[in-house]
Amino acid sequence: AGYKLEAAIQQLNVDASGKIALDSGLSTGGFTDCLLQHGASFVYGVDVGYGQ
């Protein structure tokens, strides 16, 4: 899932540096990891699933 966000960040020239983000429905955290690798200062994660 993080690969999709990676492509969007590059294509849309998004700067996540220093940003605070929300990853809703984060599952295994691919988007969270991607945002942190791109400099986000903090990512809140919310998911209702369990046992993933």
PDB file of N, CA and C in Angstrom:
ATOM      1  N   ALA A   1       0.821  -1.198   0.000  1.00  0.00           N
ATOM      2  CA  ALA A   1       0.000   0.000   0.000  1.00  0.00           C
ATOM      3  C   ALA A   1       0.863   1.259   0.000  1.00  0.00           C
ATOM      4  N   GLY A   2       1.992   1.195   0.689  1.00  0.00           N
ATOM      5  CA  GLY A   2       2.882   2.348   0.738  1.00  0.00           C
ATOM      6  C   GLY A   2       3.427   2.734  -0.626  1.00  0.00           C
ATOM      7  N   TYR A   3       3.515   1.751  -1.530  1.00  0.00           N
ATOM      8  CA  TYR A   3       4.028   2.043  -2.874  1.00  0.00           C
ATOM      9  C   TYR A   3       3.082   2.960  -3.640  1.00  0.00           C
ATOM     10  N   LYS A   4       1.770   2.818  -3.397  1.00  0.00           N
ATOM     11  CA  LYS A   4       0.795   3.699  -4.055  1.00  0.00           C
ATOM     12  C   LYS A   4       0.984   5.137  -3.588  1.00  0.00           C
ATOM     13  N   LEU A   5       1.153   5.310  -2.286  1.00  0.00           N
ATOM     14  CA  LEU A   5       1.343   6.657  -1.749  1.00  0.00           C
ATOM     15  C   LEU A   5       2.674   7.228  -2.212  1.00  0.00           C
ATOM     16  N   GLU A   6       3.691   6.390  -2.267  1.00  0.00           N
ATOM     17  CA  GLU A   6       5.008   6.824  -2.748  1.00  0.00           C
ATOM     18  C   GLU A   6       4.886   7.409  -4.155  1.00  0.00           C
ATOM     19  N   ALA A   7       4.176   6.718  -5.029  1.00  0.00           N
ATOM     20  CA  ALA A   7       3.995   7.192  -6.404  1.00  0.00           C
ATOM     21  C   ALA A   7       3.233   8.517  -6.424  1.00  0.00           C
ATOM     22  N   ALA A   8       2.194   8.627  -5.610  1.00  0.00           N
ATOM     23  CA  ALA A   8       1.406   9.868  -5.564  1.00  0.00           C
ATOM     24  C   ALA A   8       2.238  11.030  -5.034  1.00  0.00           C
ATOM     25  N   ILE A   9       3.038  10.784  -4.006  1.00  0.00           N
ATOM     26  CA  ILE A   9       3.890  11.833  -3.436  1.00  0.00           C
ATOM     27  C   ILE A   9       4.851  12.368  -4.493  1.00  0.00           C
ATOM     28  N   GLN A  10       5.448  11.458  -5.247  1.00  0.00           N
ATOM     29  CA  GLN A  10       6.403  11.881  -6.271  1.00  0.00           C
ATOM     30  C   GLN A  10       5.704  12.583  -7.434  1.00  0.00           C
ATOM     31  N   GLN A  11       4.582  12.023  -7.891  1.00  0.00           N
ATOM     32  CA  GLN A  11       3.886  12.593  -9.049  1.00  0.00           C
ATOM     33  C   GLN A  11       3.284  13.962  -8.736  1.00  0.00           C
ATOM     34  N   LEU A  12       2.759  14.127  -7.520  1.00  0.00           N
ATOM     35  CA  LEU A  12       2.108  15.385  -7.144  1.00  0.00           C
ATOM     36  C   LEU A  12       3.046  16.356  -6.433  1.00  0.00           C
ATOM     37  N   ASN A  13       4.311  15.929  -6.259  1.00  0.00           N
ATOM     38  CA  ASN A  13       5.329  16.758  -5.617  1.00  0.00           C
ATOM     39  C   ASN A  13       4.891  17.224  -4.223  1.00  0.00           C
ATOM     40  N   VAL A  14       4.453  16.282  -3.406  1.00  0.00           N
ATOM     41  CA  VAL A  14       3.986  16.560  -2.046  1.00  0.00           C
ATOM     42  C   VAL A  14       5.180  16.610  -1.100  1.00  0.00           C
ATOM     43  N   ASP A  15       5.214  17.605  -0.237  1.00  0.00           N
ATOM     44  CA  ASP A  15       6.261  17.720   0.774  1.00  0.00           C
ATOM     45  C   ASP A  15       5.653  17.407   2.141  1.00  0.00           C
ATOM     46  N   ALA A  16       5.965  16.231   2.677  1.00  0.00           N
ATOM     47  CA  ALA A  16       5.422  15.806   3.972  1.00  0.00           C
ATOM     48  C   ALA A  16       6.302  16.252   5.135  1.00  0.00           C
ATOM     49  N   SER A  17       7.408  16.897   4.853  1.00  0.00           N
ATOM     50  CA  SER A  17       8.365  17.292   5.891  1.00  0.00           C
ATOM     51  C   SER A  17       7.707  18.125   6.982  1.00  0.00           C
ATOM     52  N   GLY A  18       7.861  17.660   8.220  1.00  0.00           N
ATOM     53  CA  GLY A  18       7.360  18.393   9.370  1.00  0.00           C
ATOM     54  C   GLY A  18       5.856  18.357   9.560  1.00  0.00           C
ATOM     55  N   LYS A  19       5.153  17.641   8.708  1.00  0.00           N
ATOM     56  CA  LYS A  19       3.693  17.596   8.787  1.00  0.00           C
ATOM     57  C   LYS A  19       3.227  16.557   9.810  1.00  0.00           C
ATOM     58  N   ILE A  20       2.017  16.773  10.329  1.00  0.00           N
ATOM     59  CA  ILE A  20       1.327  15.789  11.156  1.00  0.00           C
ATOM     60  C   ILE A  20       0.217  15.219  10.288  1.00  0.00           C
ATOM     61  N   ALA A  21       0.121  13.880  10.228  1.00  0.00           N
ATOM     62  CA  ALA A  21      -0.829  13.240   9.323  1.00  0.00           C
ATOM     63  C   ALA A  21      -1.718  12.249  10.066  1.00  0.00           C
ATOM     64  N   LEU A  22      -2.799  11.856   9.398  1.00  0.00           N
ATOM     65  CA  LEU A  22      -3.708  10.835   9.902  1.00  0.00           C
ATOM     66  C   LEU A  22      -3.788   9.718   8.872  1.00  0.00           C
ATOM     67  N   ASP A  23      -3.537   8.499   9.319  1.00  0.00           N
ATOM     68  CA  ASP A  23      -3.695   7.320   8.471  1.00  0.00           C
ATOM     69  C   ASP A  23      -4.877   6.539   9.032  1.00  0.00           C
ATOM     70  N   SER A  24      -6.047   6.718   8.429  1.00  0.00           N
ATOM     71  CA  SER A  24      -7.240   6.016   8.917  1.00  0.00           C
ATOM     72  C   SER A  24      -7.409   4.716   8.135  1.00  0.00           C
ATOM     73  N   GLY A  25      -7.666   3.637   8.853  1.00  0.00           N
ATOM     74  CA  GLY A  25      -7.723   2.323   8.220  1.00  0.00           C
ATOM     75  C   GLY A  25      -6.335   1.851   7.842  1.00  0.00           C
ATOM     76  N   LEU A  26      -5.388   2.001   8.773  1.00  0.00           N
ATOM     77  CA  LEU A  26      -3.978   1.827   8.441  1.00  0.00           C
ATOM     78  C   LEU A  26      -3.516   0.402   8.206  1.00  0.00           C
ATOM     79  N   SER A  27      -4.295  -0.595   8.592  1.00  0.00           N
ATOM     80  CA  SER A  27      -3.931  -1.993   8.361  1.00  0.00           C
ATOM     81  C   SER A  27      -2.516  -2.266   8.882  1.00  0.00           C
ATOM     82  N   THR A  28      -1.581  -2.582   8.007  1.00  0.00           N
ATOM     83  CA  THR A  28      -0.219  -2.898   8.453  1.00  0.00           C
ATOM     84  C   THR A  28       0.708  -1.687   8.462  1.00  0.00           C
ATOM     85  N   GLY A  29       0.202  -0.512   8.091  1.00  0.00           N
ATOM     86  CA  GLY A  29       0.976   0.715   8.242  1.00  0.00           C
ATOM     87  C   GLY A  29       1.840   1.142   7.079  1.00  0.00           C
ATOM     88  N   GLY A  30       1.539   0.683   5.884  1.00  0.00           N
ATOM     89  CA  GLY A  30       2.344   1.065   4.716  1.00  0.00           C
ATOM     90  C   GLY A  30       2.348   2.562   4.449  1.00  0.00           C
ATOM     91  N   PHE A  31       1.172   3.205   4.547  1.00  0.00           N
ATOM     92  CA  PHE A  31       1.097   4.650   4.327  1.00  0.00           C
ATOM     93  C   PHE A  31       1.824   5.389   5.443  1.00  0.00           C
ATOM     94  N   THR A  32       1.655   4.914   6.685  1.00  0.00           N
ATOM     95  CA  THR A  32       2.327   5.534   7.832  1.00  0.00           C
ATOM     96  C   THR A  32       3.833   5.508   7.632  1.00  0.00           C
ATOM     97  N   ASP A  33       4.358   4.352   7.272  1.00  0.00           N
ATOM     98  CA  ASP A  33       5.793   4.207   7.046  1.00  0.00           C
ATOM     99  C   ASP A  33       6.266   5.141   5.939  1.00  0.00           C
ATOM    100  N   CYS A  34       5.518   5.203   4.858  1.00  0.00           N
ATOM    101  CA  CYS A  34       5.882   6.062   3.728  1.00  0.00           C
ATOM    102  C   CYS A  34       5.922   7.528   4.147  1.00  0.00           C
ATOM    103  N   LEU A  35       4.898   7.978   4.876  1.00  0.00           N
ATOM    104  CA  LEU A  35       4.862   9.375   5.322  1.00  0.00           C
ATOM    105  C   LEU A  35       6.034   9.697   6.244  1.00  0.00           C
ATOM    106  N   LEU A  36       6.346   8.788   7.162  1.00  0.00           N
ATOM    107  CA  LEU A  36       7.476   9.017   8.071  1.00  0.00           C
ATOM    108  C   LEU A  36       8.792   9.054   7.303  1.00  0.00           C
ATOM    109  N   GLN A  37       8.928   8.184   6.306  1.00  0.00           N
ATOM    110  CA  GLN A  37      10.155   8.176   5.495  1.00  0.00           C
ATOM    111  C   GLN A  37      10.299   9.458   4.677  1.00  0.00           C
ATOM    112  N   HIS A  38       9.181  10.123   4.413  1.00  0.00           N
ATOM    113  CA  HIS A  38       9.208  11.388   3.674  1.00  0.00           C
ATOM    114  C   HIS A  38       9.218  12.589   4.602  1.00  0.00           C
ATOM    115  N   GLY A  39       9.508  12.364   5.885  1.00  0.00           N
ATOM    116  CA  GLY A  39       9.747  13.475   6.791  1.00  0.00           C
ATOM    117  C   GLY A  39       8.599  13.932   7.657  1.00  0.00           C
ATOM    118  N   ALA A  40       7.454  13.247   7.611  1.00  0.00           N
ATOM    119  CA  ALA A  40       6.348  13.631   8.494  1.00  0.00           C
ATOM    120  C   ALA A  40       6.839  13.565   9.939  1.00  0.00           C
ATOM    121  N   SER A  41       6.451  14.540  10.744  1.00  0.00           N
ATOM    122  CA  SER A  41       6.929  14.563  12.127  1.00  0.00           C
ATOM    123  C   SER A  41       6.147  13.604  13.011  1.00  0.00           C
ATOM    124  N   PHE A  42       4.891  13.313  12.640  1.00  0.00           N
ATOM    125  CA  PHE A  42       4.066  12.406  13.434  1.00  0.00           C
ATOM    126  C   PHE A  42       2.911  11.923  12.572  1.00  0.00           C
ATOM    127  N   VAL A  43       2.545  10.655  12.730  1.00  0.00           N
ATOM    128  CA  VAL A  43       1.385  10.113  12.021  1.00  0.00           C
ATOM    129  C   VAL A  43       0.482   9.419  13.028  1.00  0.00           C
ATOM    130  N   TYR A  44      -0.751   9.897  13.124  1.00  0.00           N
ATOM    131  CA  TYR A  44      -1.759   9.221  13.936  1.00  0.00           C
ATOM    132  C   TYR A  44      -2.335   8.094  13.096  1.00  0.00           C
ATOM    133  N   GLY A  45      -2.521   6.928  13.712  1.00  0.00           N
ATOM    134  CA  GLY A  45      -3.089   5.796  12.993  1.00  0.00           C
ATOM    135  C   GLY A  45      -4.313   5.251  13.698  1.00  0.00           C
ATOM    136  N   VAL A  46      -5.379   5.022  12.937  1.00  0.00           N
ATOM    137  CA  VAL A  46      -6.626   4.497  13.486  1.00  0.00           C
ATOM    138  C   VAL A  46      -7.101   3.354  12.599  1.00  0.00           C
ATOM    139  N   ASP A  47      -7.454   2.229  13.243  1.00  0.00           N
ATOM    140  CA  ASP A  47      -7.991   1.101  12.494  1.00  0.00           C
ATOM    141  C   ASP A  47      -8.926   0.314  13.394  1.00  0.00           C
ATOM    142  N   VAL A  48     -10.006  -0.190  12.842  1.00  0.00           N
ATOM    143  CA  VAL A  48     -10.939  -0.988  13.630  1.00  0.00           C
ATOM    144  C   VAL A  48     -10.673  -2.482  13.477  1.00  0.00           C
ATOM    145  N   GLY A  49      -9.800  -2.858  12.555  1.00  0.00           N
ATOM    146  CA  GLY A  49      -9.457  -4.259  12.359  1.00  0.00           C
ATOM    147  C   GLY A  49      -8.567  -4.769  13.481  1.00  0.00           C
ATOM    148  N   TYR A  50      -8.449  -6.088  13.559  1.00  0.00           N
ATOM    149  CA  TYR A  50      -7.573  -6.686  14.564  1.00  0.00           C
ATOM    150  C   TYR A  50      -6.998  -7.983  14.008  1.00  0.00           C
ATOM    151  N   GLY A  51      -5.896  -8.428  14.596  1.00  0.00           N
ATOM    152  CA  GLY A  51      -5.275  -9.679  14.186  1.00  0.00           C
ATOM    153  C   GLY A  51      -4.640  -9.639  12.809  1.00  0.00           C
ATOM    154  N   GLN A  52      -4.199  -8.477  12.387  1.00  0.00           N
ATOM    155  CA  GLN A  52      -3.611  -8.374  11.054  1.00  0.00           C
ATOM    156  C   GLN A  52      -2.142  -8.615  11.135  1.00  0.00           C
TER     157      GLN A  52
END
